[in-house]
Amino acid sequence: MKKAFSTLGCPTWSFNEIVSVAKDIGMNGIEIRGLGYQMYAPALSIFSERNIDKTISVLKRTGIEIPMLTTSCDLSVSDFENCLNEANDYINLAKKIGTPYIRIMCQNSAKPGKDIDIDLIAKRYKEICNIAKDTTVTPLIETNSHLANSDKMLEFLAKADCENMGVLWDFHHPYRFFNESIEYTFNNLSKYIKYVHFKDSVMKDDGKVEY
């Protein structure tokens, strides 16, 4: 099993520090969710035209991969054109650096928020999958917000119906927000799961989740 950690947890580290720590603690990869104050991966200096070859060389030399680029794409937004442009930028970057997956969300929140139009977001997800269909990059839909309900996720996937679709299973969200057991979620989604996020939390007295 390949293991990676997200740069979201170490925002003050340089790229070289992140690679070194990943190597030292026996990780196989780094999930890119921004560096420092720049959260938009395609705008990072390590991926600029001037530096990208050096970055790829460092990864090859150390044996560290970038298995996931974590976008902020929210399929429920009113201005979907921006989301589509972001997805396109991330797919192009993923192709350049050999990253197999990008993360897409139905809604930009872990906890279910406003109701979603499942037909609309499935249609939009399919548009993103079509951008990536002739590449080695797979856009993965995360089990977050309303799609942390694995029954609803199955309904969504049936509507999207893409050959290159897949699920990023954040196993915390179905359990925490829909009281699903790990076994239930896995049995529902196992044929679609390509990537897994692990985290833990407790419920505070005020009803808020503390990771």
N, C-alpha and C. Protein backbone atom coordinates (compact mmCIF):
# COMPACT_ATOMS: atom_id res chain seq x y z
N MET A 1 0.83 -1.20 0.00
CA MET A 1 0.00 0.00 0.00
C MET A 1 0.87 1.24 0.00
N LYS A 2 0.57 2.17 -0.88
CA LYS A 2 1.32 3.42 -0.94
C LYS A 2 0.70 4.44 0.01
N LYS A 3 1.57 5.19 0.69
CA LYS A 3 1.11 6.16 1.68
C LYS A 3 1.68 7.54 1.37
N ALA A 4 0.83 8.54 1.55
CA ALA A 4 1.24 9.92 1.33
C ALA A 4 0.64 10.79 2.42
N PHE A 5 1.17 12.01 2.57
CA PHE A 5 0.53 12.97 3.45
C PHE A 5 0.31 14.27 2.68
N SER A 6 -0.63 15.07 3.18
CA SER A 6 -1.02 16.29 2.49
C SER A 6 -0.19 17.48 2.96
N THR A 7 0.14 18.35 2.01
CA THR A 7 0.87 19.57 2.36
C THR A 7 -0.01 20.53 3.16
N LEU A 8 -1.30 20.25 3.26
CA LEU A 8 -2.19 21.10 4.06
C LEU A 8 -1.74 21.12 5.52
N GLY A 9 -1.10 20.04 5.96
CA GLY A 9 -0.67 19.94 7.35
C GLY A 9 0.67 20.58 7.65
N CYS A 10 1.36 21.07 6.65
CA CYS A 10 2.70 21.66 6.87
C CYS A 10 2.88 22.89 5.99
N PRO A 11 2.05 23.90 6.17
CA PRO A 11 2.04 25.05 5.26
C PRO A 11 3.30 25.90 5.29
N THR A 12 4.11 25.79 6.37
CA THR A 12 5.31 26.63 6.46
C THR A 12 6.56 25.93 5.95
N TRP A 13 6.43 24.68 5.54
CA TRP A 13 7.61 23.94 5.07
C TRP A 13 7.88 24.24 3.59
N SER A 14 9.15 24.23 3.23
CA SER A 14 9.52 24.33 1.82
C SER A 14 9.29 22.99 1.14
N PHE A 15 9.27 23.00 -0.19
CA PHE A 15 9.07 21.76 -0.93
C PHE A 15 10.18 20.76 -0.61
N ASN A 16 11.41 21.23 -0.53
CA ASN A 16 12.53 20.33 -0.22
C ASN A 16 12.40 19.72 1.17
N GLU A 17 11.91 20.51 2.13
CA GLU A 17 11.69 19.98 3.47
C GLU A 17 10.61 18.91 3.46
N ILE A 18 9.56 19.15 2.71
CA ILE A 18 8.46 18.19 2.63
C ILE A 18 8.94 16.87 2.03
N VAL A 19 9.71 16.95 0.95
CA VAL A 19 10.24 15.75 0.31
C VAL A 19 11.16 15.00 1.27
N SER A 20 12.00 15.73 1.98
CA SER A 20 12.94 15.10 2.92
C SER A 20 12.21 14.38 4.05
N VAL A 21 11.19 15.03 4.60
CA VAL A 21 10.43 14.41 5.69
C VAL A 21 9.68 13.18 5.18
N ALA A 22 9.08 13.28 4.01
CA ALA A 22 8.38 12.13 3.43
C ALA A 22 9.33 10.93 3.31
N LYS A 23 10.53 11.20 2.84
CA LYS A 23 11.53 10.14 2.69
C LYS A 23 11.92 9.57 4.05
N ASP A 24 12.16 10.46 5.02
CA ASP A 24 12.64 10.04 6.34
C ASP A 24 11.63 9.18 7.09
N ILE A 25 10.33 9.49 6.95
CA ILE A 25 9.33 8.75 7.72
C ILE A 25 8.70 7.60 6.93
N GLY A 26 9.27 7.32 5.76
CA GLY A 26 8.84 6.14 5.01
C GLY A 26 7.58 6.31 4.19
N MET A 27 7.25 7.56 3.87
CA MET A 27 6.11 7.79 3.00
C MET A 27 6.53 7.61 1.54
N ASN A 28 5.54 7.32 0.70
CA ASN A 28 5.81 7.13 -0.73
C ASN A 28 5.46 8.36 -1.55
N GLY A 29 4.67 9.27 -0.95
CA GLY A 29 4.21 10.38 -1.75
C GLY A 29 3.79 11.60 -0.95
N ILE A 30 3.49 12.66 -1.70
CA ILE A 30 3.05 13.93 -1.15
C ILE A 30 1.81 14.36 -1.92
N GLU A 31 0.73 14.60 -1.21
CA GLU A 31 -0.47 15.13 -1.82
C GLU A 31 -0.39 16.65 -1.78
N ILE A 32 -0.45 17.28 -2.92
CA ILE A 32 -0.27 18.73 -2.99
C ILE A 32 -1.60 19.46 -2.80
N ARG A 33 -1.69 20.16 -1.67
CA ARG A 33 -2.83 21.04 -1.38
C ARG A 33 -2.26 22.42 -1.04
N GLY A 34 -1.49 22.95 -1.98
CA GLY A 34 -0.87 24.25 -1.79
C GLY A 34 0.44 24.16 -1.04
N LEU A 35 1.20 25.25 -1.12
CA LEU A 35 2.44 25.42 -0.36
C LEU A 35 2.46 26.85 0.16
N GLY A 36 2.75 27.01 1.45
CA GLY A 36 2.75 28.35 2.03
C GLY A 36 1.39 28.99 1.89
N TYR A 37 1.36 30.20 1.35
CA TYR A 37 0.11 30.93 1.20
C TYR A 37 -0.53 30.74 -0.16
N GLN A 38 0.09 29.96 -1.03
CA GLN A 38 -0.44 29.72 -2.37
C GLN A 38 -1.13 28.35 -2.40
N MET A 39 -2.46 28.38 -2.49
CA MET A 39 -3.23 27.13 -2.48
C MET A 39 -3.50 26.60 -3.90
N TYR A 40 -3.26 27.43 -4.90
CA TYR A 40 -3.54 27.03 -6.28
C TYR A 40 -2.30 26.35 -6.86
N ALA A 41 -2.30 25.04 -6.90
CA ALA A 41 -1.10 24.29 -7.28
C ALA A 41 -0.51 24.70 -8.63
N PRO A 42 -1.33 24.95 -9.67
CA PRO A 42 -0.74 25.34 -10.95
C PRO A 42 0.05 26.65 -10.90
N ALA A 43 -0.16 27.46 -9.85
CA ALA A 43 0.55 28.74 -9.72
C ALA A 43 1.80 28.62 -8.84
N LEU A 44 2.08 27.45 -8.29
CA LEU A 44 3.24 27.28 -7.43
C LEU A 44 4.54 27.42 -8.23
N SER A 45 5.54 28.04 -7.61
CA SER A 45 6.80 28.26 -8.31
C SER A 45 7.49 26.94 -8.67
N ILE A 46 7.28 25.90 -7.86
CA ILE A 46 7.92 24.60 -8.16
C ILE A 46 7.41 24.00 -9.46
N PHE A 47 6.25 24.47 -9.92
CA PHE A 47 5.67 23.96 -11.17
C PHE A 47 5.73 24.99 -12.30
N SER A 48 6.48 26.07 -12.09
CA SER A 48 6.64 27.06 -13.15
C SER A 48 7.47 26.47 -14.28
N GLU A 49 7.39 27.09 -15.43
CA GLU A 49 8.15 26.62 -16.59
C GLU A 49 9.65 26.55 -16.26
N ARG A 50 10.11 27.48 -15.44
CA ARG A 50 11.53 27.53 -15.08
C ARG A 50 11.94 26.39 -14.15
N ASN A 51 11.03 25.95 -13.27
CA ASN A 51 11.40 25.02 -12.20
C ASN A 51 10.83 23.61 -12.32
N ILE A 52 9.88 23.39 -13.22
CA ILE A 52 9.17 22.12 -13.20
C ILE A 52 10.07 20.92 -13.49
N ASP A 53 11.04 21.07 -14.39
CA ASP A 53 11.94 19.96 -14.67
C ASP A 53 12.79 19.60 -13.46
N LYS A 54 13.22 20.61 -12.72
CA LYS A 54 13.98 20.38 -11.49
C LYS A 54 13.12 19.67 -10.45
N THR A 55 11.87 20.07 -10.35
CA THR A 55 10.95 19.44 -9.40
C THR A 55 10.75 17.97 -9.73
N ILE A 56 10.53 17.69 -11.00
CA ILE A 56 10.35 16.29 -11.44
C ILE A 56 11.61 15.49 -11.16
N SER A 57 12.78 16.09 -11.37
CA SER A 57 14.05 15.42 -11.12
C SER A 57 14.22 15.08 -9.64
N VAL A 58 13.84 16.01 -8.76
CA VAL A 58 13.92 15.77 -7.32
C VAL A 58 13.02 14.60 -6.92
N LEU A 59 11.83 14.56 -7.47
CA LEU A 59 10.90 13.48 -7.15
C LEU A 59 11.43 12.12 -7.63
N LYS A 60 11.97 12.09 -8.83
CA LYS A 60 12.51 10.84 -9.35
C LYS A 60 13.72 10.37 -8.54
N ARG A 61 14.58 11.31 -8.17
CA ARG A 61 15.79 10.96 -7.42
C ARG A 61 15.47 10.40 -6.04
N THR A 62 14.43 10.95 -5.42
CA THR A 62 14.08 10.53 -4.05
C THR A 62 13.07 9.39 -4.03
N GLY A 63 12.46 9.10 -5.16
CA GLY A 63 11.45 8.06 -5.20
C GLY A 63 10.12 8.47 -4.58
N ILE A 64 9.92 9.78 -4.45
CA ILE A 64 8.66 10.30 -3.91
C ILE A 64 7.73 10.70 -5.06
N GLU A 65 6.48 10.32 -4.95
CA GLU A 65 5.49 10.63 -5.98
C GLU A 65 4.55 11.74 -5.51
N ILE A 66 3.84 12.32 -6.46
CA ILE A 66 2.71 13.20 -6.14
C ILE A 66 1.46 12.49 -6.66
N PRO A 67 0.78 11.72 -5.82
CA PRO A 67 -0.34 10.92 -6.29
C PRO A 67 -1.63 11.69 -6.48
N MET A 68 -1.70 12.88 -5.88
CA MET A 68 -2.95 13.65 -5.92
C MET A 68 -2.68 15.14 -5.92
N LEU A 69 -3.38 15.87 -6.77
CA LEU A 69 -3.46 17.32 -6.71
C LEU A 69 -4.87 17.65 -6.22
N THR A 70 -4.95 18.36 -5.10
CA THR A 70 -6.24 18.58 -4.45
C THR A 70 -6.81 19.93 -4.85
N THR A 71 -7.77 19.92 -5.75
CA THR A 71 -8.38 21.16 -6.22
C THR A 71 -9.40 21.68 -5.21
N SER A 72 -9.88 22.90 -5.46
CA SER A 72 -10.98 23.47 -4.69
C SER A 72 -12.27 23.44 -5.50
N CYS A 73 -12.29 22.67 -6.58
CA CYS A 73 -13.46 22.64 -7.46
C CYS A 73 -14.72 22.22 -6.72
N ASP A 74 -15.72 23.07 -6.77
CA ASP A 74 -17.00 22.87 -6.12
C ASP A 74 -18.07 22.80 -7.21
N LEU A 75 -18.64 21.62 -7.39
CA LEU A 75 -19.59 21.42 -8.49
C LEU A 75 -20.92 22.14 -8.29
N SER A 76 -21.16 22.66 -7.09
CA SER A 76 -22.45 23.29 -6.80
C SER A 76 -22.45 24.80 -7.00
N VAL A 77 -21.29 25.38 -7.32
CA VAL A 77 -21.20 26.85 -7.41
C VAL A 77 -22.02 27.37 -8.59
N SER A 78 -22.46 28.62 -8.46
CA SER A 78 -23.24 29.23 -9.54
C SER A 78 -22.37 29.53 -10.76
N ASP A 79 -21.12 29.93 -10.51
CA ASP A 79 -20.20 30.23 -11.61
C ASP A 79 -19.34 28.99 -11.90
N PHE A 80 -19.92 28.05 -12.61
CA PHE A 80 -19.22 26.79 -12.85
C PHE A 80 -18.05 26.96 -13.80
N GLU A 81 -18.03 28.00 -14.61
CA GLU A 81 -16.96 28.20 -15.58
C GLU A 81 -15.60 28.29 -14.88
N ASN A 82 -15.56 28.96 -13.73
CA ASN A 82 -14.30 29.05 -12.97
C ASN A 82 -13.86 27.69 -12.48
N CYS A 83 -14.81 26.89 -12.02
CA CYS A 83 -14.50 25.52 -11.56
C CYS A 83 -13.96 24.69 -12.72
N LEU A 84 -14.57 24.83 -13.87
CA LEU A 84 -14.14 24.07 -15.05
C LEU A 84 -12.73 24.48 -15.47
N ASN A 85 -12.45 25.78 -15.42
CA ASN A 85 -11.11 26.26 -15.76
C ASN A 85 -10.07 25.74 -14.77
N GLU A 86 -10.44 25.73 -13.49
CA GLU A 86 -9.52 25.20 -12.47
C GLU A 86 -9.24 23.73 -12.70
N ALA A 87 -10.28 22.97 -12.96
CA ALA A 87 -10.10 21.53 -13.22
C ALA A 87 -9.19 21.32 -14.42
N ASN A 88 -9.37 22.11 -15.47
CA ASN A 88 -8.54 21.99 -16.67
C ASN A 88 -7.07 22.30 -16.34
N ASP A 89 -6.83 23.35 -15.54
CA ASP A 89 -5.46 23.69 -15.14
C ASP A 89 -4.82 22.55 -14.36
N TYR A 90 -5.57 21.96 -13.46
CA TYR A 90 -5.03 20.88 -12.63
C TYR A 90 -4.79 19.61 -13.45
N ILE A 91 -5.68 19.33 -14.38
CA ILE A 91 -5.47 18.15 -15.24
C ILE A 91 -4.21 18.33 -16.09
N ASN A 92 -4.01 19.51 -16.63
CA ASN A 92 -2.81 19.78 -17.43
C ASN A 92 -1.55 19.66 -16.59
N LEU A 93 -1.58 20.18 -15.37
CA LEU A 93 -0.42 20.06 -14.49
C LEU A 93 -0.18 18.60 -14.12
N ALA A 94 -1.24 17.89 -13.79
CA ALA A 94 -1.10 16.48 -13.43
C ALA A 94 -0.46 15.67 -14.56
N LYS A 95 -0.84 15.98 -15.79
CA LYS A 95 -0.23 15.30 -16.95
C LYS A 95 1.27 15.54 -17.00
N LYS A 96 1.68 16.78 -16.74
CA LYS A 96 3.10 17.15 -16.83
C LYS A 96 3.94 16.43 -15.78
N ILE A 97 3.40 16.26 -14.58
CA ILE A 97 4.22 15.73 -13.48
C ILE A 97 3.92 14.27 -13.17
N GLY A 98 3.05 13.65 -13.97
CA GLY A 98 2.78 12.23 -13.80
C GLY A 98 1.88 11.90 -12.62
N THR A 99 1.01 12.84 -12.25
CA THR A 99 0.08 12.61 -11.14
C THR A 99 -1.21 11.98 -11.67
N PRO A 100 -1.65 10.86 -11.07
CA PRO A 100 -2.80 10.14 -11.62
C PRO A 100 -4.16 10.70 -11.25
N TYR A 101 -4.25 11.47 -10.13
CA TYR A 101 -5.56 11.89 -9.64
C TYR A 101 -5.63 13.37 -9.29
N ILE A 102 -6.82 13.96 -9.51
CA ILE A 102 -7.14 15.26 -8.94
C ILE A 102 -8.43 15.10 -8.14
N ARG A 103 -8.59 15.93 -7.10
CA ARG A 103 -9.78 15.86 -6.24
C ARG A 103 -10.81 16.90 -6.67
N ILE A 104 -12.09 16.43 -6.75
CA ILE A 104 -13.23 17.27 -7.05
C ILE A 104 -14.24 17.11 -5.92
N MET A 105 -14.99 18.17 -5.59
CA MET A 105 -16.00 18.10 -4.53
C MET A 105 -17.38 18.48 -5.06
N CYS A 106 -18.40 17.90 -4.46
CA CYS A 106 -19.77 18.30 -4.83
C CYS A 106 -20.11 19.62 -4.18
N GLN A 107 -19.46 19.91 -3.06
CA GLN A 107 -19.70 21.13 -2.30
C GLN A 107 -18.47 21.39 -1.44
N ASN A 108 -18.09 22.64 -1.30
CA ASN A 108 -16.84 22.96 -0.61
C ASN A 108 -17.00 23.00 0.91
N SER A 109 -17.46 21.87 1.46
CA SER A 109 -17.57 21.74 2.91
C SER A 109 -17.60 20.27 3.24
N ALA A 110 -17.00 19.91 4.37
CA ALA A 110 -17.02 18.51 4.79
C ALA A 110 -18.42 18.10 5.23
N LYS A 111 -19.03 18.95 6.06
CA LYS A 111 -20.36 18.69 6.59
C LYS A 111 -21.41 19.07 5.55
N PRO A 112 -22.46 18.27 5.40
CA PRO A 112 -23.51 18.62 4.44
C PRO A 112 -24.08 20.02 4.70
N GLY A 113 -24.14 20.83 3.64
CA GLY A 113 -24.67 22.18 3.74
C GLY A 113 -25.99 22.29 3.02
N LYS A 114 -26.11 23.30 2.18
CA LYS A 114 -27.36 23.48 1.43
C LYS A 114 -27.61 22.29 0.52
N ASP A 115 -28.87 22.07 0.18
CA ASP A 115 -29.22 20.97 -0.70
C ASP A 115 -28.51 21.10 -2.05
N ILE A 116 -28.20 19.97 -2.64
CA ILE A 116 -27.54 19.97 -3.94
C ILE A 116 -28.49 19.41 -5.00
N ASP A 117 -28.29 19.86 -6.22
CA ASP A 117 -29.02 19.34 -7.37
C ASP A 117 -28.17 18.21 -7.95
N ILE A 118 -28.51 16.98 -7.61
CA ILE A 118 -27.64 15.85 -7.96
C ILE A 118 -27.54 15.65 -9.47
N ASP A 119 -28.59 15.96 -10.21
CA ASP A 119 -28.53 15.85 -11.67
C ASP A 119 -27.54 16.86 -12.24
N LEU A 120 -27.58 18.08 -11.70
CA LEU A 120 -26.69 19.13 -12.18
C LEU A 120 -25.22 18.82 -11.87
N ILE A 121 -24.95 18.41 -10.63
CA ILE A 121 -23.54 18.17 -10.28
C ILE A 121 -23.00 16.93 -10.98
N ALA A 122 -23.85 15.96 -11.24
CA ALA A 122 -23.40 14.79 -12.01
C ALA A 122 -23.05 15.19 -13.44
N LYS A 123 -23.87 16.06 -14.02
CA LYS A 123 -23.60 16.57 -15.37
C LYS A 123 -22.28 17.34 -15.39
N ARG A 124 -22.04 18.16 -14.38
CA ARG A 124 -20.82 18.95 -14.31
C ARG A 124 -19.59 18.07 -14.08
N TYR A 125 -19.74 17.07 -13.23
CA TYR A 125 -18.63 16.14 -13.00
C TYR A 125 -18.27 15.42 -14.31
N LYS A 126 -19.29 15.06 -15.07
CA LYS A 126 -19.05 14.38 -16.35
C LYS A 126 -18.28 15.29 -17.30
N GLU A 127 -18.57 16.59 -17.28
CA GLU A 127 -17.82 17.53 -18.12
C GLU A 127 -16.33 17.51 -17.76
N ILE A 128 -16.03 17.47 -16.47
CA ILE A 128 -14.63 17.44 -16.04
C ILE A 128 -13.98 16.12 -16.43
N CYS A 129 -14.71 15.02 -16.25
CA CYS A 129 -14.17 13.72 -16.65
C CYS A 129 -13.90 13.69 -18.15
N ASN A 130 -14.74 14.34 -18.94
CA ASN A 130 -14.54 14.38 -20.40
C ASN A 130 -13.27 15.14 -20.77
N ILE A 131 -12.92 16.17 -20.00
CA ILE A 131 -11.68 16.89 -20.24
C ILE A 131 -10.49 15.96 -20.08
N ALA A 132 -10.59 15.04 -19.11
CA ALA A 132 -9.46 14.17 -18.77
C ALA A 132 -9.51 12.81 -19.47
N LYS A 133 -10.52 12.55 -20.29
CA LYS A 133 -10.75 11.19 -20.77
C LYS A 133 -9.63 10.62 -21.63
N ASP A 134 -8.88 11.46 -22.33
CA ASP A 134 -7.80 10.95 -23.17
C ASP A 134 -6.43 11.13 -22.51
N THR A 135 -6.44 11.26 -21.18
CA THR A 135 -5.20 11.42 -20.42
C THR A 135 -5.07 10.27 -19.42
N THR A 136 -4.00 10.30 -18.65
CA THR A 136 -3.81 9.31 -17.58
C THR A 136 -4.30 9.85 -16.24
N VAL A 137 -5.01 10.98 -16.28
CA VAL A 137 -5.49 11.64 -15.06
C VAL A 137 -6.96 11.31 -14.82
N THR A 138 -7.29 10.92 -13.59
CA THR A 138 -8.68 10.61 -13.23
C THR A 138 -9.18 11.63 -12.21
N PRO A 139 -10.26 12.36 -12.51
CA PRO A 139 -10.86 13.25 -11.53
C PRO A 139 -11.68 12.42 -10.53
N LEU A 140 -11.31 12.49 -9.27
CA LEU A 140 -12.01 11.71 -8.24
C LEU A 140 -12.99 12.60 -7.48
N ILE A 141 -14.19 12.12 -7.29
CA ILE A 141 -15.19 12.83 -6.50
C ILE A 141 -15.05 12.38 -5.05
N GLU A 142 -14.98 13.34 -4.14
CA GLU A 142 -14.74 13.02 -2.73
C GLU A 142 -16.04 12.73 -1.98
N THR A 143 -15.95 11.82 -1.01
CA THR A 143 -17.10 11.57 -0.13
C THR A 143 -17.17 12.69 0.91
N ASN A 144 -17.65 13.84 0.47
CA ASN A 144 -17.82 14.96 1.39
C ASN A 144 -19.22 15.54 1.19
N SER A 145 -19.63 16.40 2.12
CA SER A 145 -20.95 17.03 2.07
C SER A 145 -22.03 15.95 1.86
N HIS A 146 -22.99 16.21 0.99
CA HIS A 146 -24.09 15.26 0.80
C HIS A 146 -23.62 13.95 0.18
N LEU A 147 -22.51 13.98 -0.54
CA LEU A 147 -22.02 12.74 -1.16
C LEU A 147 -21.18 11.90 -0.20
N ALA A 148 -21.11 12.32 1.07
CA ALA A 148 -20.55 11.45 2.10
C ALA A 148 -21.56 10.34 2.43
N ASN A 149 -22.80 10.53 2.04
CA ASN A 149 -23.81 9.48 2.11
C ASN A 149 -23.57 8.54 0.93
N SER A 150 -23.10 7.33 1.21
CA SER A 150 -22.66 6.46 0.12
C SER A 150 -23.80 6.01 -0.78
N ASP A 151 -25.03 5.96 -0.25
CA ASP A 151 -26.18 5.65 -1.12
C ASP A 151 -26.41 6.77 -2.13
N LYS A 152 -26.28 8.01 -1.66
CA LYS A 152 -26.44 9.15 -2.56
C LYS A 152 -25.27 9.21 -3.55
N MET A 153 -24.07 8.84 -3.08
CA MET A 153 -22.92 8.79 -3.98
C MET A 153 -23.15 7.79 -5.10
N LEU A 154 -23.73 6.64 -4.79
CA LEU A 154 -24.03 5.66 -5.83
C LEU A 154 -25.02 6.21 -6.85
N GLU A 155 -26.02 6.95 -6.36
CA GLU A 155 -26.98 7.59 -7.26
C GLU A 155 -26.28 8.60 -8.16
N PHE A 156 -25.38 9.37 -7.57
CA PHE A 156 -24.61 10.37 -8.32
C PHE A 156 -23.76 9.70 -9.41
N LEU A 157 -23.05 8.64 -9.05
CA LEU A 157 -22.17 7.96 -10.00
C LEU A 157 -22.97 7.33 -11.15
N ALA A 158 -24.15 6.82 -10.84
CA ALA A 158 -24.99 6.24 -11.89
C ALA A 158 -25.43 7.31 -12.89
N LYS A 159 -25.66 8.52 -12.40
CA LYS A 159 -26.07 9.61 -13.27
C LYS A 159 -24.88 10.15 -14.09
N ALA A 160 -23.69 10.20 -13.46
CA ALA A 160 -22.51 10.69 -14.17
C ALA A 160 -22.07 9.71 -15.25
N ASP A 161 -22.00 8.44 -14.89
CA ASP A 161 -21.78 7.35 -15.84
C ASP A 161 -20.60 7.61 -16.80
N CYS A 162 -19.41 7.82 -16.22
CA CYS A 162 -18.19 8.04 -17.01
C CYS A 162 -17.25 6.85 -16.86
N GLU A 163 -16.54 6.53 -17.92
CA GLU A 163 -15.57 5.44 -17.83
C GLU A 163 -14.41 5.79 -16.91
N ASN A 164 -14.05 7.06 -16.85
CA ASN A 164 -12.86 7.47 -16.09
C ASN A 164 -13.22 8.16 -14.76
N MET A 165 -14.37 7.82 -14.18
CA MET A 165 -14.73 8.40 -12.89
C MET A 165 -14.21 7.52 -11.76
N GLY A 166 -14.16 8.08 -10.57
CA GLY A 166 -13.71 7.33 -9.42
C GLY A 166 -14.00 8.11 -8.15
N VAL A 167 -13.82 7.43 -7.02
CA VAL A 167 -14.15 8.01 -5.72
C VAL A 167 -12.90 8.17 -4.86
N LEU A 168 -12.79 9.34 -4.25
CA LEU A 168 -11.83 9.57 -3.17
C LEU A 168 -12.61 9.36 -1.88
N TRP A 169 -12.31 8.27 -1.19
CA TRP A 169 -13.03 7.91 0.03
C TRP A 169 -12.36 8.55 1.23
N ASP A 170 -12.94 9.64 1.71
CA ASP A 170 -12.53 10.18 3.00
C ASP A 170 -13.37 9.43 4.02
N PHE A 171 -12.77 8.46 4.70
CA PHE A 171 -13.59 7.55 5.49
C PHE A 171 -14.15 8.20 6.74
N HIS A 172 -13.67 9.39 7.08
CA HIS A 172 -14.21 10.12 8.22
C HIS A 172 -15.62 10.64 7.96
N HIS A 173 -15.84 11.22 6.80
CA HIS A 173 -17.09 11.94 6.55
C HIS A 173 -18.34 11.06 6.56
N PRO A 174 -18.37 9.90 5.89
CA PRO A 174 -19.59 9.07 5.95
C PRO A 174 -19.90 8.61 7.38
N TYR A 175 -18.84 8.32 8.13
CA TYR A 175 -19.03 7.88 9.52
C TYR A 175 -19.53 9.03 10.39
N ARG A 176 -18.84 10.18 10.31
CA ARG A 176 -19.13 11.29 11.21
C ARG A 176 -20.47 11.96 10.92
N PHE A 177 -20.80 12.13 9.64
CA PHE A 177 -21.98 12.91 9.30
C PHE A 177 -23.21 12.07 8.93
N PHE A 178 -23.00 10.76 8.61
CA PHE A 178 -24.13 9.92 8.25
C PHE A 178 -24.17 8.61 9.04
N ASN A 179 -23.31 8.48 10.03
CA ASN A 179 -23.29 7.31 10.92
C ASN A 179 -23.12 5.99 10.16
N GLU A 180 -22.41 6.05 9.03
CA GLU A 180 -22.15 4.83 8.28
C GLU A 180 -20.97 4.08 8.89
N SER A 181 -21.08 2.78 8.94
CA SER A 181 -19.91 1.99 9.34
C SER A 181 -18.92 1.95 8.19
N ILE A 182 -17.66 1.69 8.51
CA ILE A 182 -16.63 1.57 7.47
C ILE A 182 -17.02 0.47 6.48
N GLU A 183 -17.56 -0.63 7.01
CA GLU A 183 -17.92 -1.76 6.15
C GLU A 183 -19.04 -1.37 5.18
N TYR A 184 -20.02 -0.62 5.69
CA TYR A 184 -21.15 -0.24 4.84
C TYR A 184 -20.69 0.64 3.68
N THR A 185 -19.90 1.65 4.01
CA THR A 185 -19.41 2.56 2.96
C THR A 185 -18.57 1.80 1.95
N PHE A 186 -17.66 0.96 2.44
CA PHE A 186 -16.78 0.22 1.54
C PHE A 186 -17.58 -0.72 0.63
N ASN A 187 -18.53 -1.44 1.19
CA ASN A 187 -19.32 -2.37 0.38
C ASN A 187 -20.11 -1.63 -0.70
N ASN A 188 -20.55 -0.42 -0.40
CA ASN A 188 -21.28 0.37 -1.40
C ASN A 188 -20.37 0.87 -2.52
N LEU A 189 -19.17 1.33 -2.15
CA LEU A 189 -18.36 2.10 -3.09
C LEU A 189 -17.08 1.40 -3.56
N SER A 190 -16.82 0.19 -3.10
CA SER A 190 -15.51 -0.43 -3.33
C SER A 190 -15.09 -0.48 -4.79
N LYS A 191 -16.01 -0.68 -5.70
CA LYS A 191 -15.64 -0.79 -7.13
C LYS A 191 -15.20 0.54 -7.72
N TYR A 192 -15.49 1.65 -7.01
CA TYR A 192 -15.14 2.98 -7.51
C TYR A 192 -13.98 3.63 -6.76
N ILE A 193 -13.62 3.09 -5.60
CA ILE A 193 -12.62 3.75 -4.75
C ILE A 193 -11.22 3.62 -5.36
N LYS A 194 -10.55 4.78 -5.53
CA LYS A 194 -9.20 4.81 -6.09
C LYS A 194 -8.18 5.34 -5.08
N TYR A 195 -8.66 6.04 -4.06
CA TYR A 195 -7.77 6.80 -3.18
C TYR A 195 -8.52 6.99 -1.86
N VAL A 196 -7.77 7.03 -0.75
CA VAL A 196 -8.41 7.13 0.56
C VAL A 196 -7.76 8.22 1.40
N HIS A 197 -8.59 9.02 2.07
CA HIS A 197 -8.12 9.97 3.08
C HIS A 197 -8.43 9.42 4.47
N PHE A 198 -7.44 9.47 5.35
CA PHE A 198 -7.64 9.05 6.73
C PHE A 198 -7.54 10.26 7.65
N LYS A 199 -8.52 10.41 8.52
CA LYS A 199 -8.45 11.40 9.59
C LYS A 199 -9.36 10.94 10.72
N ASP A 200 -9.27 11.62 11.84
CA ASP A 200 -10.07 11.25 12.99
C ASP A 200 -10.62 12.52 13.64
N SER A 201 -11.65 12.37 14.49
CA SER A 201 -12.22 13.54 15.15
C SER A 201 -13.02 13.12 16.37
N VAL A 202 -13.35 14.11 17.17
CA VAL A 202 -14.29 13.91 18.29
C VAL A 202 -15.37 14.97 18.19
N MET A 203 -16.53 14.67 18.75
CA MET A 203 -17.61 15.63 18.82
C MET A 203 -17.52 16.39 20.13
N LYS A 204 -17.49 17.69 20.06
CA LYS A 204 -17.44 18.53 21.26
C LYS A 204 -18.85 18.74 21.82
N ASP A 205 -18.90 19.25 23.05
CA ASP A 205 -20.19 19.45 23.71
C ASP A 205 -21.10 20.41 22.95
N ASP A 206 -20.48 21.32 22.19
CA ASP A 206 -21.28 22.29 21.42
C ASP A 206 -21.74 21.74 20.07
N GLY A 207 -21.47 20.45 19.82
CA GLY A 207 -21.90 19.82 18.60
C GLY A 207 -20.97 20.01 17.42
N LYS A 208 -19.84 20.66 17.65
CA LYS A 208 -18.88 20.88 16.58
C LYS A 208 -17.87 19.75 16.52
N VAL A 209 -17.36 19.51 15.32
CA VAL A 209 -16.35 18.48 15.11
C VAL A 209 -14.97 19.06 15.35
N GLU A 210 -14.17 18.35 16.15
CA GLU A 210 -12.77 18.76 16.36
C GLU A 210 -11.88 17.65 15.83
N TYR A 211 -11.09 17.99 14.79
CA TYR A 211 -10.22 16.98 14.18
C TYR A 211 -9.04 16.68 15.10
